[in-house]
Amino acid sequence: MFGTNVSSHRWWSLAIFGVLAILCGLSFLKYLGWAAFYSGNPSAGEAAGQRAELFFWAFIALEALAGLVMAMRIRLEGMFSTSAVRTLARYAMGLVISIATTAVVVGVLAAIGSRMHR
């Protein structure tokens, strides 16, 4: 699926994916923080709601980009009859891998954050 011959381009794409996964996790956590602050503090005003929305859309955009980077690494040669289905499957798999990776990053960041507050 991923090929055994790993070129420098593939290593760079993995590095870019890693950075994007960390940025996705941080954006999601910032979104949750601002959304919780906005909902728990009505006097916070529109600024907190706007920041929550900004981090939400940043998370969506970064997640889509990370999914695209991962989809470019996936090869499904001979698995589907048409190239359109193969392309759709690649992007779907890339997005699933990206979301799962972001979930792991969020879990690790939350665990690190909880240990720092002890």
N, C-alpha and C. Protein backbone atom coordinates (compact mmCIF):
# COMPACT_ATOMS: atom_id res chain seq x y z
N MET A 1 0.83 -1.19 0.00
CA MET A 1 0.00 0.00 0.00
C MET A 1 0.87 1.25 0.00
N PHE A 2 1.86 1.34 0.88
CA PHE A 2 2.69 2.53 0.95
C PHE A 2 3.97 2.37 0.16
N GLY A 3 4.29 1.21 -0.29
CA GLY A 3 5.52 1.01 -1.05
C GLY A 3 6.70 0.81 -0.13
N THR A 4 7.67 0.05 -0.61
CA THR A 4 8.83 -0.22 0.23
C THR A 4 9.98 0.73 -0.08
N ASN A 5 9.99 1.32 -1.25
CA ASN A 5 11.05 2.24 -1.63
C ASN A 5 10.67 3.64 -1.15
N VAL A 6 11.30 4.08 -0.08
CA VAL A 6 10.97 5.37 0.50
C VAL A 6 11.99 6.40 0.04
N SER A 7 11.53 7.34 -0.76
CA SER A 7 12.43 8.38 -1.25
C SER A 7 12.43 9.55 -0.27
N SER A 8 13.27 10.52 -0.54
CA SER A 8 13.33 11.69 0.33
C SER A 8 12.03 12.48 0.28
N HIS A 9 11.34 12.44 -0.87
CA HIS A 9 10.04 13.11 -0.98
C HIS A 9 9.05 12.50 0.01
N ARG A 10 9.09 11.19 0.14
CA ARG A 10 8.17 10.52 1.07
C ARG A 10 8.50 10.87 2.51
N TRP A 11 9.77 10.97 2.85
CA TRP A 11 10.14 11.36 4.21
C TRP A 11 9.67 12.78 4.50
N TRP A 12 9.82 13.66 3.50
CA TRP A 12 9.35 15.03 3.70
C TRP A 12 7.85 15.07 3.86
N SER A 13 7.13 14.26 3.11
CA SER A 13 5.67 14.26 3.25
C SER A 13 5.27 13.73 4.61
N LEU A 14 6.01 12.76 5.15
CA LEU A 14 5.72 12.29 6.51
C LEU A 14 6.02 13.38 7.54
N ALA A 15 7.09 14.11 7.34
CA ALA A 15 7.42 15.21 8.26
C ALA A 15 6.36 16.30 8.21
N ILE A 16 5.92 16.63 7.01
CA ILE A 16 4.87 17.64 6.85
C ILE A 16 3.58 17.14 7.50
N PHE A 17 3.26 15.87 7.29
CA PHE A 17 2.07 15.30 7.91
C PHE A 17 2.17 15.37 9.44
N GLY A 18 3.33 15.06 9.98
CA GLY A 18 3.51 15.15 11.44
C GLY A 18 3.29 16.55 11.98
N VAL A 19 3.85 17.53 11.29
CA VAL A 19 3.66 18.92 11.71
C VAL A 19 2.19 19.31 11.60
N LEU A 20 1.54 18.91 10.51
CA LEU A 20 0.12 19.22 10.34
C LEU A 20 -0.73 18.54 11.41
N ALA A 21 -0.38 17.31 11.79
CA ALA A 21 -1.13 16.61 12.83
C ALA A 21 -1.00 17.34 14.17
N ILE A 22 0.17 17.83 14.47
CA ILE A 22 0.37 18.59 15.72
C ILE A 22 -0.42 19.89 15.67
N LEU A 23 -0.36 20.59 14.53
CA LEU A 23 -1.13 21.83 14.40
C LEU A 23 -2.63 21.58 14.47
N CYS A 24 -3.09 20.46 13.90
CA CYS A 24 -4.51 20.09 14.00
C CYS A 24 -4.90 19.89 15.46
N GLY A 25 -4.08 19.14 16.19
CA GLY A 25 -4.36 18.90 17.60
C GLY A 25 -4.39 20.18 18.41
N LEU A 26 -3.42 21.04 18.18
CA LEU A 26 -3.38 22.31 18.91
C LEU A 26 -4.57 23.19 18.55
N SER A 27 -4.94 23.24 17.29
CA SER A 27 -6.10 24.04 16.86
C SER A 27 -7.37 23.51 17.49
N PHE A 28 -7.52 22.19 17.54
CA PHE A 28 -8.71 21.60 18.14
C PHE A 28 -8.79 21.91 19.63
N LEU A 29 -7.65 21.80 20.31
CA LEU A 29 -7.65 22.11 21.74
C LEU A 29 -7.90 23.59 22.01
N LYS A 30 -7.36 24.45 21.17
CA LYS A 30 -7.63 25.89 21.32
C LYS A 30 -9.11 26.18 21.07
N TYR A 31 -9.68 25.51 20.06
CA TYR A 31 -11.11 25.67 19.79
C TYR A 31 -11.92 25.26 21.02
N LEU A 32 -11.61 24.10 21.59
CA LEU A 32 -12.35 23.64 22.76
C LEU A 32 -12.20 24.61 23.93
N GLY A 33 -10.99 25.13 24.11
CA GLY A 33 -10.75 26.08 25.19
C GLY A 33 -11.56 27.36 25.03
N TRP A 34 -11.53 27.94 23.83
CA TRP A 34 -12.28 29.18 23.60
C TRP A 34 -13.79 28.93 23.62
N ALA A 35 -14.23 27.80 23.11
CA ALA A 35 -15.66 27.49 23.13
C ALA A 35 -16.15 27.30 24.57
N ALA A 36 -15.35 26.63 25.39
CA ALA A 36 -15.73 26.45 26.80
C ALA A 36 -15.72 27.80 27.53
N PHE A 37 -14.74 28.64 27.24
CA PHE A 37 -14.67 29.95 27.87
C PHE A 37 -15.88 30.80 27.46
N TYR A 38 -16.23 30.74 26.19
CA TYR A 38 -17.36 31.53 25.68
C TYR A 38 -18.67 31.04 26.26
N SER A 39 -18.87 29.72 26.35
CA SER A 39 -20.13 29.21 26.86
C SER A 39 -20.23 29.35 28.37
N GLY A 40 -19.11 29.31 29.07
CA GLY A 40 -19.13 29.43 30.52
C GLY A 40 -19.06 30.85 31.02
N ASN A 41 -18.86 31.81 30.13
CA ASN A 41 -18.68 33.19 30.52
C ASN A 41 -19.42 34.09 29.53
N PRO A 42 -20.72 34.31 29.75
CA PRO A 42 -21.49 35.10 28.78
C PRO A 42 -20.96 36.53 28.61
N SER A 43 -20.27 37.03 29.61
CA SER A 43 -19.75 38.39 29.50
C SER A 43 -18.47 38.45 28.65
N ALA A 44 -18.01 37.29 28.19
CA ALA A 44 -16.79 37.27 27.38
C ALA A 44 -16.97 37.99 26.06
N GLY A 45 -18.20 38.10 25.64
CA GLY A 45 -18.48 38.85 24.42
C GLY A 45 -18.22 38.05 23.17
N GLU A 46 -18.31 38.74 22.07
CA GLU A 46 -18.16 38.11 20.77
C GLU A 46 -16.72 37.70 20.46
N ALA A 47 -15.77 38.33 21.11
CA ALA A 47 -14.36 38.02 20.80
C ALA A 47 -14.03 36.56 21.07
N ALA A 48 -14.53 36.02 22.19
CA ALA A 48 -14.26 34.61 22.51
C ALA A 48 -14.95 33.70 21.51
N GLY A 49 -16.15 34.03 21.13
CA GLY A 49 -16.86 33.22 20.14
C GLY A 49 -16.18 33.27 18.78
N GLN A 50 -15.69 34.44 18.42
CA GLN A 50 -14.99 34.57 17.13
C GLN A 50 -13.67 33.79 17.14
N ARG A 51 -12.98 33.83 18.27
CA ARG A 51 -11.72 33.06 18.36
C ARG A 51 -11.99 31.57 18.30
N ALA A 52 -13.07 31.13 18.96
CA ALA A 52 -13.44 29.72 18.89
C ALA A 52 -13.74 29.33 17.46
N GLU A 53 -14.47 30.16 16.75
CA GLU A 53 -14.81 29.86 15.36
C GLU A 53 -13.56 29.86 14.48
N LEU A 54 -12.65 30.79 14.72
CA LEU A 54 -11.40 30.84 13.96
C LEU A 54 -10.61 29.55 14.13
N PHE A 55 -10.46 29.08 15.38
CA PHE A 55 -9.70 27.85 15.60
C PHE A 55 -10.43 26.63 15.06
N PHE A 56 -11.77 26.66 15.06
CA PHE A 56 -12.53 25.55 14.47
C PHE A 56 -12.25 25.45 12.98
N TRP A 57 -12.33 26.57 12.27
CA TRP A 57 -12.09 26.54 10.82
C TRP A 57 -10.63 26.27 10.49
N ALA A 58 -9.72 26.72 11.34
CA ALA A 58 -8.30 26.39 11.16
C ALA A 58 -8.11 24.87 11.31
N PHE A 59 -8.78 24.29 12.29
CA PHE A 59 -8.71 22.84 12.49
C PHE A 59 -9.23 22.10 11.25
N ILE A 60 -10.37 22.53 10.72
CA ILE A 60 -10.95 21.88 9.55
C ILE A 60 -10.00 21.97 8.35
N ALA A 61 -9.45 23.16 8.12
CA ALA A 61 -8.55 23.35 6.98
C ALA A 61 -7.27 22.53 7.13
N LEU A 62 -6.69 22.53 8.32
CA LEU A 62 -5.47 21.77 8.56
C LEU A 62 -5.73 20.27 8.46
N GLU A 63 -6.88 19.83 8.94
CA GLU A 63 -7.22 18.41 8.86
C GLU A 63 -7.38 17.97 7.40
N ALA A 64 -8.03 18.82 6.60
CA ALA A 64 -8.19 18.50 5.18
C ALA A 64 -6.83 18.46 4.48
N LEU A 65 -5.96 19.39 4.81
CA LEU A 65 -4.63 19.41 4.21
C LEU A 65 -3.82 18.19 4.64
N ALA A 66 -3.90 17.82 5.91
CA ALA A 66 -3.19 16.63 6.38
C ALA A 66 -3.73 15.37 5.70
N GLY A 67 -5.03 15.31 5.52
CA GLY A 67 -5.62 14.18 4.80
C GLY A 67 -5.14 14.11 3.37
N LEU A 68 -5.00 15.26 2.74
CA LEU A 68 -4.51 15.32 1.36
C LEU A 68 -3.05 14.85 1.28
N VAL A 69 -2.24 15.30 2.23
CA VAL A 69 -0.83 14.88 2.25
C VAL A 69 -0.73 13.37 2.43
N MET A 70 -1.55 12.82 3.32
CA MET A 70 -1.51 11.37 3.54
C MET A 70 -2.06 10.63 2.33
N ALA A 71 -3.08 11.17 1.69
CA ALA A 71 -3.67 10.51 0.51
C ALA A 71 -2.65 10.41 -0.63
N MET A 72 -1.77 11.39 -0.73
CA MET A 72 -0.76 11.35 -1.79
C MET A 72 0.24 10.21 -1.58
N ARG A 73 0.37 9.73 -0.35
CA ARG A 73 1.29 8.64 -0.05
C ARG A 73 0.67 7.27 -0.29
N ILE A 74 -0.65 7.19 -0.32
CA ILE A 74 -1.34 5.91 -0.42
C ILE A 74 -1.42 5.48 -1.89
N ARG A 75 -1.08 4.24 -2.14
CA ARG A 75 -1.18 3.67 -3.48
C ARG A 75 -2.17 2.51 -3.42
N LEU A 76 -3.16 2.54 -4.27
CA LEU A 76 -4.15 1.48 -4.33
C LEU A 76 -4.19 0.86 -5.73
N GLU A 77 -3.03 0.55 -6.24
CA GLU A 77 -2.94 0.01 -7.59
C GLU A 77 -3.69 -1.32 -7.69
N GLY A 78 -4.57 -1.42 -8.66
CA GLY A 78 -5.28 -2.66 -8.93
C GLY A 78 -6.39 -3.01 -7.95
N MET A 79 -6.72 -2.13 -7.02
CA MET A 79 -7.73 -2.46 -6.03
C MET A 79 -9.15 -2.13 -6.50
N PHE A 80 -9.29 -1.10 -7.30
CA PHE A 80 -10.61 -0.69 -7.76
C PHE A 80 -10.59 -0.61 -9.29
N SER A 81 -11.77 -0.76 -9.88
CA SER A 81 -11.83 -0.83 -11.34
C SER A 81 -11.63 0.53 -12.01
N THR A 82 -12.08 1.60 -11.39
CA THR A 82 -11.94 2.91 -12.02
C THR A 82 -11.01 3.80 -11.20
N SER A 83 -10.37 4.72 -11.90
CA SER A 83 -9.44 5.61 -11.20
C SER A 83 -10.19 6.58 -10.29
N ALA A 84 -11.43 6.94 -10.65
CA ALA A 84 -12.20 7.85 -9.80
C ALA A 84 -12.50 7.22 -8.45
N VAL A 85 -12.86 5.96 -8.45
CA VAL A 85 -13.14 5.26 -7.19
C VAL A 85 -11.85 5.10 -6.39
N ARG A 86 -10.77 4.79 -7.08
CA ARG A 86 -9.47 4.64 -6.42
C ARG A 86 -9.05 5.96 -5.78
N THR A 87 -9.23 7.07 -6.49
CA THR A 87 -8.88 8.39 -5.95
C THR A 87 -9.74 8.73 -4.75
N LEU A 88 -11.02 8.49 -4.85
CA LEU A 88 -11.93 8.75 -3.73
C LEU A 88 -11.55 7.91 -2.51
N ALA A 89 -11.20 6.65 -2.75
CA ALA A 89 -10.79 5.77 -1.65
C ALA A 89 -9.49 6.26 -1.01
N ARG A 90 -8.55 6.73 -1.83
CA ARG A 90 -7.30 7.26 -1.30
C ARG A 90 -7.55 8.46 -0.39
N TYR A 91 -8.38 9.38 -0.85
CA TYR A 91 -8.65 10.58 -0.04
C TYR A 91 -9.44 10.23 1.22
N ALA A 92 -10.37 9.29 1.12
CA ALA A 92 -11.11 8.87 2.31
C ALA A 92 -10.18 8.22 3.33
N MET A 93 -9.28 7.35 2.85
CA MET A 93 -8.32 6.71 3.76
C MET A 93 -7.37 7.74 4.36
N GLY A 94 -6.93 8.70 3.55
CA GLY A 94 -6.05 9.75 4.06
C GLY A 94 -6.70 10.56 5.14
N LEU A 95 -7.98 10.87 4.96
CA LEU A 95 -8.71 11.65 5.97
C LEU A 95 -8.92 10.84 7.24
N VAL A 96 -9.23 9.57 7.11
CA VAL A 96 -9.40 8.71 8.29
C VAL A 96 -8.09 8.60 9.07
N ILE A 97 -6.99 8.41 8.36
CA ILE A 97 -5.69 8.33 9.02
C ILE A 97 -5.36 9.66 9.69
N SER A 98 -5.66 10.76 9.03
CA SER A 98 -5.39 12.07 9.59
C SER A 98 -6.21 12.33 10.86
N ILE A 99 -7.48 11.99 10.82
CA ILE A 99 -8.34 12.19 12.00
C ILE A 99 -7.88 11.32 13.16
N ALA A 100 -7.53 10.07 12.87
CA ALA A 100 -7.04 9.18 13.93
C ALA A 100 -5.73 9.70 14.53
N THR A 101 -4.85 10.19 13.68
CA THR A 101 -3.58 10.74 14.16
C THR A 101 -3.82 11.98 15.01
N THR A 102 -4.75 12.83 14.58
CA THR A 102 -5.08 14.02 15.37
C THR A 102 -5.65 13.63 16.72
N ALA A 103 -6.46 12.59 16.77
CA ALA A 103 -7.02 12.12 18.04
C ALA A 103 -5.90 11.67 18.99
N VAL A 104 -4.91 10.98 18.44
CA VAL A 104 -3.77 10.55 19.27
C VAL A 104 -2.99 11.76 19.76
N VAL A 105 -2.75 12.72 18.88
CA VAL A 105 -2.02 13.93 19.27
C VAL A 105 -2.78 14.69 20.35
N VAL A 106 -4.10 14.82 20.21
CA VAL A 106 -4.91 15.51 21.23
C VAL A 106 -4.81 14.77 22.56
N GLY A 107 -4.87 13.44 22.51
CA GLY A 107 -4.75 12.66 23.74
C GLY A 107 -3.40 12.86 24.41
N VAL A 108 -2.34 12.85 23.62
CA VAL A 108 -0.99 13.05 24.18
C VAL A 108 -0.85 14.45 24.75
N LEU A 109 -1.33 15.45 24.01
CA LEU A 109 -1.24 16.83 24.51
C LEU A 109 -2.07 17.03 25.77
N ALA A 110 -3.24 16.41 25.84
CA ALA A 110 -4.08 16.52 27.03
C ALA A 110 -3.40 15.83 28.22
N ALA A 111 -2.77 14.68 27.98
CA ALA A 111 -2.07 13.99 29.07
C ALA A 111 -0.88 14.81 29.55
N ILE A 112 -0.15 15.39 28.64
CA ILE A 112 0.98 16.24 29.03
C ILE A 112 0.49 17.45 29.79
N GLY A 113 -0.59 18.05 29.33
CA GLY A 113 -1.15 19.23 30.00
C GLY A 113 -1.65 18.90 31.39
N SER A 114 -2.27 17.73 31.56
CA SER A 114 -2.77 17.38 32.90
C SER A 114 -1.64 17.08 33.86
N ARG A 115 -0.54 16.52 33.36
CA ARG A 115 0.63 16.27 34.23
C ARG A 115 1.31 17.58 34.62
N MET A 116 1.27 18.56 33.75
CA MET A 116 1.93 19.83 34.07
C MET A 116 1.15 20.62 35.11
N HIS A 117 -0.16 20.37 35.22
CA HIS A 117 -0.98 21.12 36.17
C HIS A 117 -1.09 20.45 37.53
N ARG A 118 -0.37 19.37 37.74
CA ARG A 118 -0.41 18.69 39.05
C ARG A 118 0.47 19.36 40.03
